[in-house]
């Protein structure tokens, strides 16, 4: 089973997600699985033996429940040839959570670090799986949208996928903190 960990921003970025999804449809690009939120990932997805997933989910939910809400400030939308995203400013709380998850998963489940696990470029993906031209056109649409200045991290998620392929993850647990 493949596991994904992140922060659900759907309710806060609902309008942006609608604009993005409409642009994706118009450009002939894939649209996200409706069961998967606009988000900030906390760790690159990883594979884990199916029999270990329930235990890990319980441990992660217990950890997420110890956290408190915090603000993440938006930096800017960014365009690259194969992806565009909404980039967030460096955030100590996010880095601490990611570092904790990386260390915990390595020590307790032998989940190796992915090269991006320590490259703290927190973002919400806007356009992926399209041609550079489609991604650039989608990015142009998004830059006309008034971006929020910040989002609040208060809903931590665990998503699962049988294959690990894009658009196959489904959030199976949410932990809302106050």
N, C-alpha and C. Protein backbone atom coordinates (compact mmCIF):
# COMPACT_ATOMS: atom_id res chain seq x y z
N UNK A 1 0.85 -1.16 0.00
CA UNK A 1 0.00 0.00 0.00
C UNK A 1 0.90 1.24 0.00
N UNK A 2 0.47 2.24 -0.72
CA UNK A 2 1.20 3.51 -0.74
C UNK A 2 0.51 4.49 0.20
N UNK A 3 1.33 5.23 0.95
CA UNK A 3 0.82 6.14 1.97
C UNK A 3 1.24 7.56 1.63
N UNK A 4 0.31 8.48 1.80
CA UNK A 4 0.56 9.90 1.61
C UNK A 4 0.16 10.64 2.88
N UNK A 5 0.92 11.65 3.27
CA UNK A 5 0.64 12.45 4.45
C UNK A 5 0.62 13.92 4.07
N UNK A 6 -0.41 14.62 4.50
CA UNK A 6 -0.48 16.02 4.12
C UNK A 6 -1.46 16.82 4.97
N UNK A 7 -1.65 18.06 4.56
CA UNK A 7 -2.56 18.99 5.21
C UNK A 7 -3.66 19.33 4.21
N UNK A 8 -4.89 19.08 4.59
CA UNK A 8 -6.06 19.34 3.74
C UNK A 8 -6.34 20.84 3.73
N UNK A 9 -6.31 21.42 2.52
CA UNK A 9 -6.61 22.84 2.36
C UNK A 9 -7.83 23.08 1.48
N UNK A 10 -8.60 22.04 1.22
CA UNK A 10 -9.75 22.15 0.32
C UNK A 10 -10.70 23.28 0.69
N UNK A 11 -11.08 23.36 1.95
CA UNK A 11 -12.07 24.38 2.33
C UNK A 11 -11.49 25.78 2.19
N UNK A 12 -10.19 25.92 2.40
CA UNK A 12 -9.56 27.24 2.33
C UNK A 12 -9.21 27.65 0.91
N UNK A 13 -8.98 26.68 0.05
CA UNK A 13 -8.58 26.97 -1.34
C UNK A 13 -9.64 26.50 -2.33
N UNK A 14 -10.90 26.46 -1.87
CA UNK A 14 -11.98 25.94 -2.71
C UNK A 14 -12.11 26.71 -4.03
N UNK A 15 -12.10 28.03 -3.95
CA UNK A 15 -12.24 28.83 -5.17
C UNK A 15 -11.06 28.61 -6.12
N UNK A 16 -9.86 28.58 -5.58
CA UNK A 16 -8.67 28.34 -6.40
C UNK A 16 -8.75 26.96 -7.05
N UNK A 17 -9.19 25.96 -6.30
CA UNK A 17 -9.32 24.60 -6.84
C UNK A 17 -10.33 24.57 -7.98
N UNK A 18 -11.43 25.30 -7.82
CA UNK A 18 -12.45 25.35 -8.88
C UNK A 18 -11.89 25.99 -10.14
N UNK A 19 -11.20 27.12 -9.98
CA UNK A 19 -10.58 27.80 -11.13
C UNK A 19 -9.57 26.86 -11.80
N UNK A 20 -8.74 26.21 -11.00
CA UNK A 20 -7.73 25.29 -11.52
C UNK A 20 -8.38 24.12 -12.26
N UNK A 21 -9.39 23.49 -11.64
CA UNK A 21 -10.02 22.34 -12.27
C UNK A 21 -10.73 22.71 -13.57
N UNK A 22 -11.36 23.87 -13.60
CA UNK A 22 -11.99 24.34 -14.84
C UNK A 22 -10.94 24.56 -15.93
N UNK A 23 -9.81 25.14 -15.56
CA UNK A 23 -8.73 25.35 -16.53
C UNK A 23 -8.19 24.00 -17.01
N UNK A 24 -8.02 23.05 -16.10
CA UNK A 24 -7.54 21.72 -16.49
C UNK A 24 -8.49 21.08 -17.50
N UNK A 25 -9.79 21.16 -17.24
CA UNK A 25 -10.78 20.58 -18.17
C UNK A 25 -10.68 21.25 -19.54
N UNK A 26 -10.63 22.57 -19.55
CA UNK A 26 -10.56 23.31 -20.80
C UNK A 26 -9.30 23.00 -21.59
N UNK A 27 -8.22 22.69 -20.88
CA UNK A 27 -6.94 22.41 -21.53
C UNK A 27 -6.74 20.93 -21.83
N UNK A 28 -7.72 20.09 -21.46
CA UNK A 28 -7.62 18.65 -21.73
C UNK A 28 -6.64 17.93 -20.81
N UNK A 29 -6.49 18.44 -19.60
CA UNK A 29 -5.58 17.84 -18.62
C UNK A 29 -6.37 17.03 -17.61
N UNK A 30 -5.73 16.08 -16.93
CA UNK A 30 -6.43 15.32 -15.89
C UNK A 30 -6.89 16.22 -14.75
N UNK A 31 -8.02 15.86 -14.16
CA UNK A 31 -8.54 16.57 -13.00
C UNK A 31 -8.38 15.64 -11.80
N UNK A 32 -8.01 16.22 -10.65
CA UNK A 32 -7.78 15.42 -9.45
C UNK A 32 -8.95 14.51 -9.12
N UNK A 33 -8.62 13.42 -8.47
CA UNK A 33 -9.60 12.54 -7.87
C UNK A 33 -10.45 13.38 -6.92
N UNK A 34 -11.77 13.32 -7.01
CA UNK A 34 -12.60 14.15 -6.13
C UNK A 34 -12.46 13.80 -4.65
N UNK A 35 -11.89 12.64 -4.35
CA UNK A 35 -11.69 12.24 -2.95
C UNK A 35 -10.33 12.67 -2.41
N UNK A 36 -9.62 13.52 -3.17
CA UNK A 36 -8.29 13.95 -2.76
C UNK A 36 -8.26 15.48 -2.74
N UNK A 37 -7.87 16.07 -1.62
CA UNK A 37 -7.98 17.52 -1.46
C UNK A 37 -6.81 18.31 -2.06
N UNK A 38 -7.07 19.59 -2.24
CA UNK A 38 -5.99 20.55 -2.44
C UNK A 38 -5.22 20.51 -1.13
N UNK A 39 -3.90 20.46 -1.19
CA UNK A 39 -3.15 20.14 0.02
C UNK A 39 -1.71 20.65 -0.03
N UNK A 40 -1.06 20.50 1.10
CA UNK A 40 0.39 20.60 1.23
C UNK A 40 0.85 19.24 1.71
N UNK A 41 1.77 18.61 0.98
CA UNK A 41 2.29 17.31 1.40
C UNK A 41 3.32 17.49 2.51
N UNK A 42 3.32 16.52 3.42
CA UNK A 42 4.27 16.54 4.53
C UNK A 42 5.42 15.58 4.32
N UNK A 43 5.27 14.64 3.41
CA UNK A 43 6.30 13.66 3.09
C UNK A 43 5.97 13.11 1.72
N UNK A 44 7.00 12.79 0.95
CA UNK A 44 6.78 12.14 -0.34
C UNK A 44 6.12 10.78 -0.07
N UNK A 45 5.14 10.44 -0.87
CA UNK A 45 4.43 9.16 -0.71
C UNK A 45 5.42 8.01 -0.66
N UNK A 46 5.06 6.99 0.10
CA UNK A 46 5.96 5.85 0.28
C UNK A 46 5.15 4.57 0.34
N UNK A 47 5.83 3.47 0.04
CA UNK A 47 5.18 2.16 0.07
C UNK A 47 5.43 1.50 1.42
N UNK A 48 4.39 0.83 1.92
CA UNK A 48 4.47 0.13 3.20
C UNK A 48 3.67 -1.16 3.08
N UNK A 49 4.16 -2.22 3.72
CA UNK A 49 3.45 -3.49 3.71
C UNK A 49 2.02 -3.29 4.24
N UNK A 50 1.05 -3.88 3.56
CA UNK A 50 -0.36 -3.70 3.91
C UNK A 50 -0.65 -3.99 5.38
N UNK A 51 0.00 -5.00 5.94
CA UNK A 51 -0.29 -5.38 7.32
C UNK A 51 0.21 -4.36 8.34
N UNK A 52 1.09 -3.45 7.94
CA UNK A 52 1.61 -2.41 8.83
C UNK A 52 0.80 -1.12 8.78
N UNK A 53 -0.03 -0.97 7.77
CA UNK A 53 -0.75 0.28 7.56
C UNK A 53 -1.69 0.63 8.73
N UNK A 54 -2.50 -0.29 9.24
CA UNK A 54 -3.39 0.09 10.36
C UNK A 54 -2.62 0.61 11.58
N UNK A 55 -1.53 -0.04 11.94
CA UNK A 55 -0.73 0.40 13.08
C UNK A 55 -0.15 1.79 12.81
N UNK A 56 0.40 1.99 11.63
CA UNK A 56 0.98 3.29 11.28
C UNK A 56 -0.10 4.37 11.32
N UNK A 57 -1.27 4.08 10.79
CA UNK A 57 -2.34 5.08 10.78
C UNK A 57 -2.72 5.49 12.20
N UNK A 58 -2.79 4.53 13.11
CA UNK A 58 -3.11 4.85 14.50
C UNK A 58 -2.02 5.73 15.11
N UNK A 59 -0.77 5.38 14.88
CA UNK A 59 0.34 6.16 15.42
C UNK A 59 0.37 7.57 14.84
N UNK A 60 0.12 7.69 13.54
CA UNK A 60 0.12 9.01 12.91
C UNK A 60 -1.04 9.86 13.41
N UNK A 61 -2.21 9.26 13.56
CA UNK A 61 -3.35 10.01 14.09
C UNK A 61 -3.06 10.51 15.50
N UNK A 62 -2.44 9.67 16.31
CA UNK A 62 -2.06 10.09 17.67
C UNK A 62 -1.07 11.25 17.62
N UNK A 63 -0.09 11.18 16.70
CA UNK A 63 0.87 12.27 16.57
C UNK A 63 0.19 13.55 16.09
N UNK A 64 -0.61 13.45 15.03
CA UNK A 64 -1.28 14.64 14.50
C UNK A 64 -2.15 15.30 15.57
N UNK A 65 -2.76 14.50 16.45
CA UNK A 65 -3.63 15.04 17.50
C UNK A 65 -2.86 15.88 18.51
N UNK A 66 -1.54 15.74 18.56
CA UNK A 66 -0.73 16.55 19.49
C UNK A 66 -0.40 17.93 18.92
N UNK A 67 -0.66 18.13 17.64
CA UNK A 67 -0.29 19.38 16.98
C UNK A 67 -1.34 20.45 17.23
N UNK A 68 -0.97 21.68 16.95
CA UNK A 68 -1.88 22.82 17.08
C UNK A 68 -1.94 23.53 15.73
N UNK A 69 -3.03 24.23 15.44
CA UNK A 69 -3.11 24.96 14.17
C UNK A 69 -2.00 26.00 14.06
N UNK A 70 -1.57 26.22 12.83
CA UNK A 70 -0.59 27.28 12.57
C UNK A 70 -0.80 27.80 11.16
N UNK A 71 -0.36 29.02 10.94
CA UNK A 71 -0.51 29.66 9.63
C UNK A 71 0.67 29.33 8.73
N UNK A 72 0.35 29.18 7.47
CA UNK A 72 1.36 29.00 6.42
C UNK A 72 1.14 30.15 5.44
N UNK A 73 2.15 30.94 5.21
CA UNK A 73 2.01 32.11 4.36
C UNK A 73 2.35 31.78 2.92
N UNK A 74 1.52 32.27 2.03
CA UNK A 74 1.70 32.05 0.59
C UNK A 74 2.86 32.91 0.11
N UNK A 75 3.72 32.33 -0.69
CA UNK A 75 4.81 33.07 -1.31
C UNK A 75 4.36 33.57 -2.68
N UNK A 76 4.17 32.61 -3.62
CA UNK A 76 3.80 33.01 -4.99
C UNK A 76 3.46 31.76 -5.80
N UNK A 77 2.72 31.95 -6.89
CA UNK A 77 2.58 30.84 -7.83
C UNK A 77 3.88 30.73 -8.63
N UNK A 78 4.27 29.51 -8.95
CA UNK A 78 5.53 29.28 -9.66
C UNK A 78 5.27 28.35 -10.84
N UNK A 79 5.94 28.65 -11.94
CA UNK A 79 5.81 27.86 -13.16
C UNK A 79 7.14 27.20 -13.48
N UNK A 80 7.07 25.90 -13.74
CA UNK A 80 8.20 25.10 -14.22
C UNK A 80 7.72 24.36 -15.47
N UNK A 81 8.61 23.84 -16.30
CA UNK A 81 8.15 23.20 -17.54
C UNK A 81 7.16 22.04 -17.33
N UNK A 82 7.32 21.27 -16.26
CA UNK A 82 6.47 20.09 -16.09
C UNK A 82 5.49 20.19 -14.92
N UNK A 83 5.46 21.34 -14.24
CA UNK A 83 4.57 21.52 -13.09
C UNK A 83 4.43 23.01 -12.79
N UNK A 84 3.27 23.37 -12.25
CA UNK A 84 3.15 24.70 -11.63
C UNK A 84 2.49 24.48 -10.27
N UNK A 85 2.86 25.36 -9.33
CA UNK A 85 2.35 25.20 -7.99
C UNK A 85 2.23 26.54 -7.30
N UNK A 86 1.51 26.52 -6.18
CA UNK A 86 1.44 27.65 -5.29
C UNK A 86 2.47 27.39 -4.20
N UNK A 87 3.51 28.19 -4.18
CA UNK A 87 4.63 28.00 -3.26
C UNK A 87 4.34 28.75 -1.96
N UNK A 88 4.71 28.11 -0.85
CA UNK A 88 4.54 28.72 0.47
C UNK A 88 5.89 29.17 1.01
N UNK A 89 5.87 30.20 1.85
CA UNK A 89 7.10 30.70 2.46
C UNK A 89 7.63 29.66 3.46
N UNK A 90 8.94 29.69 3.71
CA UNK A 90 9.49 28.75 4.69
C UNK A 90 8.72 28.86 6.01
N UNK A 91 8.53 27.70 6.63
CA UNK A 91 7.70 27.64 7.83
C UNK A 91 8.32 26.62 8.79
N UNK A 92 8.75 27.09 9.95
CA UNK A 92 9.42 26.23 10.92
C UNK A 92 8.51 25.08 11.35
N UNK A 93 7.22 25.36 11.57
CA UNK A 93 6.31 24.30 12.00
C UNK A 93 6.24 23.17 10.97
N UNK A 94 6.13 23.53 9.69
CA UNK A 94 6.09 22.50 8.64
C UNK A 94 7.39 21.70 8.61
N UNK A 95 8.50 22.40 8.69
CA UNK A 95 9.79 21.71 8.67
C UNK A 95 9.94 20.77 9.86
N UNK A 96 9.49 21.20 11.03
CA UNK A 96 9.57 20.34 12.21
C UNK A 96 8.70 19.10 12.06
N UNK A 97 7.50 19.26 11.54
CA UNK A 97 6.61 18.11 11.33
C UNK A 97 7.22 17.16 10.31
N UNK A 98 7.70 17.69 9.20
CA UNK A 98 8.30 16.83 8.17
C UNK A 98 9.52 16.10 8.70
N UNK A 99 10.37 16.80 9.44
CA UNK A 99 11.57 16.18 10.01
C UNK A 99 11.17 15.07 10.98
N UNK A 100 10.18 15.35 11.82
CA UNK A 100 9.71 14.32 12.75
C UNK A 100 9.20 13.10 11.98
N UNK A 101 8.36 13.32 10.98
CA UNK A 101 7.80 12.19 10.21
C UNK A 101 8.90 11.41 9.50
N UNK A 102 9.84 12.12 8.88
CA UNK A 102 10.96 11.44 8.21
C UNK A 102 11.72 10.55 9.18
N UNK A 103 12.08 11.10 10.32
CA UNK A 103 12.86 10.35 11.32
C UNK A 103 12.06 9.19 11.90
N UNK A 104 10.81 9.43 12.23
CA UNK A 104 9.95 8.40 12.81
C UNK A 104 9.75 7.23 11.85
N UNK A 105 9.44 7.55 10.61
CA UNK A 105 9.18 6.50 9.62
C UNK A 105 10.44 5.72 9.28
N UNK A 106 11.57 6.38 9.26
CA UNK A 106 12.84 5.69 9.00
C UNK A 106 13.16 4.75 10.16
N UNK A 107 13.07 5.27 11.37
CA UNK A 107 13.43 4.48 12.55
C UNK A 107 12.47 3.32 12.80
N UNK A 108 11.16 3.55 12.67
CA UNK A 108 10.17 2.57 13.08
C UNK A 108 9.63 1.69 11.96
N UNK A 109 9.75 2.17 10.70
CA UNK A 109 9.20 1.41 9.57
C UNK A 109 10.19 1.23 8.43
N UNK A 110 11.40 1.70 8.65
CA UNK A 110 12.45 1.58 7.64
C UNK A 110 12.05 2.22 6.30
N UNK A 111 11.32 3.34 6.38
CA UNK A 111 10.93 4.08 5.18
C UNK A 111 12.07 5.03 4.84
N UNK A 112 12.75 4.79 3.72
CA UNK A 112 13.90 5.64 3.39
C UNK A 112 13.48 7.06 3.02
N UNK A 113 14.43 7.96 3.15
CA UNK A 113 14.18 9.34 2.74
C UNK A 113 14.21 9.42 1.22
N UNK A 114 13.25 10.13 0.68
CA UNK A 114 13.23 10.47 -0.74
C UNK A 114 14.04 11.76 -0.88
N UNK A 115 14.63 11.97 -2.03
CA UNK A 115 15.47 13.17 -2.21
C UNK A 115 14.72 14.46 -1.91
N UNK A 116 13.40 14.49 -2.09
CA UNK A 116 12.64 15.71 -1.84
C UNK A 116 12.15 15.83 -0.40
N UNK A 117 12.33 14.79 0.41
CA UNK A 117 11.85 14.84 1.79
C UNK A 117 12.55 15.89 2.65
N UNK A 118 13.72 16.29 2.27
CA UNK A 118 14.43 17.33 3.03
C UNK A 118 14.59 18.62 2.22
N UNK A 119 13.97 18.68 1.06
CA UNK A 119 13.96 19.88 0.22
C UNK A 119 12.65 20.60 0.51
N UNK A 120 12.65 21.42 1.55
CA UNK A 120 11.42 21.97 2.07
C UNK A 120 10.83 23.06 1.17
N UNK A 121 10.30 22.65 0.04
CA UNK A 121 9.59 23.56 -0.88
C UNK A 121 8.12 23.19 -0.80
N UNK A 122 7.49 23.67 0.25
CA UNK A 122 6.08 23.33 0.46
C UNK A 122 5.24 24.06 -0.57
N UNK A 123 4.29 23.32 -1.12
CA UNK A 123 3.50 23.86 -2.22
C UNK A 123 2.18 23.12 -2.34
N UNK A 124 1.27 23.73 -3.08
CA UNK A 124 0.05 23.08 -3.52
C UNK A 124 0.14 22.99 -5.04
N UNK A 125 0.08 21.78 -5.56
CA UNK A 125 0.21 21.58 -7.01
C UNK A 125 -1.00 22.16 -7.72
N UNK A 126 -0.73 22.87 -8.80
CA UNK A 126 -1.79 23.43 -9.63
C UNK A 126 -1.94 22.66 -10.93
N UNK A 127 -0.86 22.51 -11.66
CA UNK A 127 -0.92 21.81 -12.95
C UNK A 127 0.24 20.84 -13.06
N UNK A 128 -0.10 19.62 -13.48
CA UNK A 128 0.85 18.52 -13.60
C UNK A 128 0.28 17.60 -14.67
N UNK A 129 1.10 16.77 -15.24
CA UNK A 129 0.63 15.78 -16.23
C UNK A 129 0.01 16.44 -17.46
N UNK A 130 0.70 17.43 -17.96
CA UNK A 130 0.30 18.07 -19.20
C UNK A 130 1.55 18.45 -19.97
N UNK A 131 1.34 18.96 -21.16
CA UNK A 131 2.49 19.45 -21.92
C UNK A 131 2.96 20.75 -21.30
N UNK A 132 4.20 21.15 -21.57
CA UNK A 132 4.64 22.46 -21.06
C UNK A 132 3.72 23.60 -21.48
N UNK A 133 3.15 23.50 -22.69
CA UNK A 133 2.25 24.55 -23.17
C UNK A 133 0.95 24.56 -22.35
N UNK A 134 0.39 23.37 -22.06
CA UNK A 134 -0.83 23.30 -21.26
C UNK A 134 -0.58 23.85 -19.85
N UNK A 135 0.53 23.46 -19.27
CA UNK A 135 0.87 23.91 -17.92
C UNK A 135 1.03 25.43 -17.90
N UNK A 136 1.70 25.98 -18.91
CA UNK A 136 1.89 27.44 -18.98
C UNK A 136 0.56 28.16 -19.16
N UNK A 137 -0.33 27.63 -20.00
CA UNK A 137 -1.65 28.26 -20.20
C UNK A 137 -2.47 28.19 -18.92
N UNK A 138 -2.42 27.07 -18.23
CA UNK A 138 -3.12 26.96 -16.95
C UNK A 138 -2.56 27.93 -15.94
N UNK A 139 -1.26 28.07 -15.92
CA UNK A 139 -0.60 29.00 -15.01
C UNK A 139 -1.06 30.43 -15.29
N UNK A 140 -1.20 30.79 -16.57
CA UNK A 140 -1.69 32.13 -16.92
C UNK A 140 -3.08 32.37 -16.35
N UNK A 141 -3.93 31.36 -16.41
CA UNK A 141 -5.28 31.48 -15.85
C UNK A 141 -5.19 31.71 -14.34
N UNK A 142 -4.37 30.93 -13.67
CA UNK A 142 -4.26 31.00 -12.21
C UNK A 142 -3.70 32.35 -11.75
N UNK A 143 -2.78 32.91 -12.50
CA UNK A 143 -2.18 34.19 -12.06
C UNK A 143 -3.18 35.34 -12.12
N UNK A 144 -4.31 35.14 -12.79
CA UNK A 144 -5.38 36.15 -12.79
C UNK A 144 -6.22 36.07 -11.52
N UNK A 145 -6.08 34.98 -10.78
CA UNK A 145 -6.84 34.74 -9.56
C UNK A 145 -6.15 35.43 -8.39
N UNK A 146 -6.92 36.01 -7.50
CA UNK A 146 -6.38 36.68 -6.32
C UNK A 146 -6.01 35.63 -5.27
N UNK A 147 -4.73 35.37 -5.12
CA UNK A 147 -4.25 34.34 -4.20
C UNK A 147 -4.45 34.76 -2.75
N UNK A 148 -4.74 33.78 -1.89
CA UNK A 148 -4.82 34.12 -0.47
C UNK A 148 -3.43 34.46 0.06
N UNK A 149 -3.38 35.19 1.15
CA UNK A 149 -2.09 35.52 1.76
C UNK A 149 -1.58 34.41 2.66
N UNK A 150 -2.52 33.64 3.20
CA UNK A 150 -2.12 32.55 4.10
C UNK A 150 -3.21 31.50 4.14
N UNK A 151 -2.82 30.34 4.60
CA UNK A 151 -3.75 29.25 4.91
C UNK A 151 -3.42 28.80 6.33
N UNK A 152 -4.36 28.11 6.94
CA UNK A 152 -4.15 27.61 8.30
C UNK A 152 -4.06 26.09 8.26
N UNK A 153 -2.99 25.57 8.81
CA UNK A 153 -2.81 24.12 8.91
C UNK A 153 -3.55 23.64 10.15
N UNK A 154 -4.70 22.99 9.93
CA UNK A 154 -5.46 22.47 11.07
C UNK A 154 -6.12 21.12 10.78
N UNK A 155 -5.94 20.61 9.56
CA UNK A 155 -6.52 19.32 9.20
C UNK A 155 -5.43 18.46 8.56
N UNK A 156 -4.95 17.49 9.33
CA UNK A 156 -3.88 16.61 8.88
C UNK A 156 -4.49 15.33 8.33
N UNK A 157 -3.91 14.82 7.24
CA UNK A 157 -4.53 13.71 6.50
C UNK A 157 -3.58 12.56 6.26
N UNK A 158 -4.20 11.40 6.14
CA UNK A 158 -3.51 10.20 5.67
C UNK A 158 -4.28 9.72 4.46
N UNK A 159 -3.56 9.55 3.35
CA UNK A 159 -4.17 9.03 2.13
C UNK A 159 -3.51 7.72 1.75
N UNK A 160 -4.28 6.88 1.07
CA UNK A 160 -3.77 5.58 0.63
C UNK A 160 -4.06 5.37 -0.85
N UNK A 161 -3.20 4.57 -1.47
CA UNK A 161 -3.38 4.16 -2.86
C UNK A 161 -2.82 2.74 -3.01
N UNK A 162 -3.51 1.94 -3.80
CA UNK A 162 -3.00 0.59 -4.08
C UNK A 162 -1.79 0.61 -5.00
N UNK A 163 -1.72 1.62 -5.89
CA UNK A 163 -0.67 1.63 -6.91
C UNK A 163 0.36 2.73 -6.73
N UNK A 164 0.01 3.79 -6.03
CA UNK A 164 0.91 4.93 -5.90
C UNK A 164 0.87 5.87 -7.09
N UNK A 165 0.01 5.58 -8.06
CA UNK A 165 -0.08 6.43 -9.26
C UNK A 165 -0.84 7.72 -8.94
N UNK A 166 -0.50 8.78 -9.65
CA UNK A 166 -1.23 10.04 -9.50
C UNK A 166 -2.72 9.79 -9.69
N UNK A 167 -3.53 10.54 -8.97
CA UNK A 167 -4.99 10.53 -9.06
C UNK A 167 -5.62 9.26 -8.49
N UNK A 168 -4.84 8.41 -7.79
CA UNK A 168 -5.41 7.19 -7.21
C UNK A 168 -5.49 7.24 -5.69
N UNK A 169 -4.93 8.27 -5.08
CA UNK A 169 -4.94 8.36 -3.62
C UNK A 169 -6.32 8.82 -3.13
N UNK A 170 -6.71 8.25 -1.99
CA UNK A 170 -7.96 8.63 -1.33
C UNK A 170 -7.62 8.91 0.14
N UNK A 171 -8.12 10.02 0.65
CA UNK A 171 -7.90 10.31 2.07
C UNK A 171 -8.79 9.38 2.88
N UNK A 172 -8.15 8.66 3.81
CA UNK A 172 -8.88 7.71 4.65
C UNK A 172 -8.98 8.16 6.11
N UNK A 173 -8.15 9.10 6.50
CA UNK A 173 -8.20 9.64 7.88
C UNK A 173 -7.89 11.13 7.83
N UNK A 174 -8.66 11.89 8.62
CA UNK A 174 -8.41 13.31 8.82
C UNK A 174 -8.37 13.56 10.32
N UNK A 175 -7.39 14.33 10.76
CA UNK A 175 -7.29 14.72 12.16
C UNK A 175 -7.35 16.25 12.20
N UNK A 176 -8.44 16.77 12.75
CA UNK A 176 -8.62 18.22 12.87
C UNK A 176 -8.15 18.62 14.26
N UNK A 177 -7.27 19.63 14.30
CA UNK A 177 -6.72 20.09 15.58
C UNK A 177 -7.23 21.50 15.89
N UNK A 178 -7.30 21.78 17.17
CA UNK A 178 -7.77 23.11 17.61
C UNK A 178 -6.75 23.78 18.50
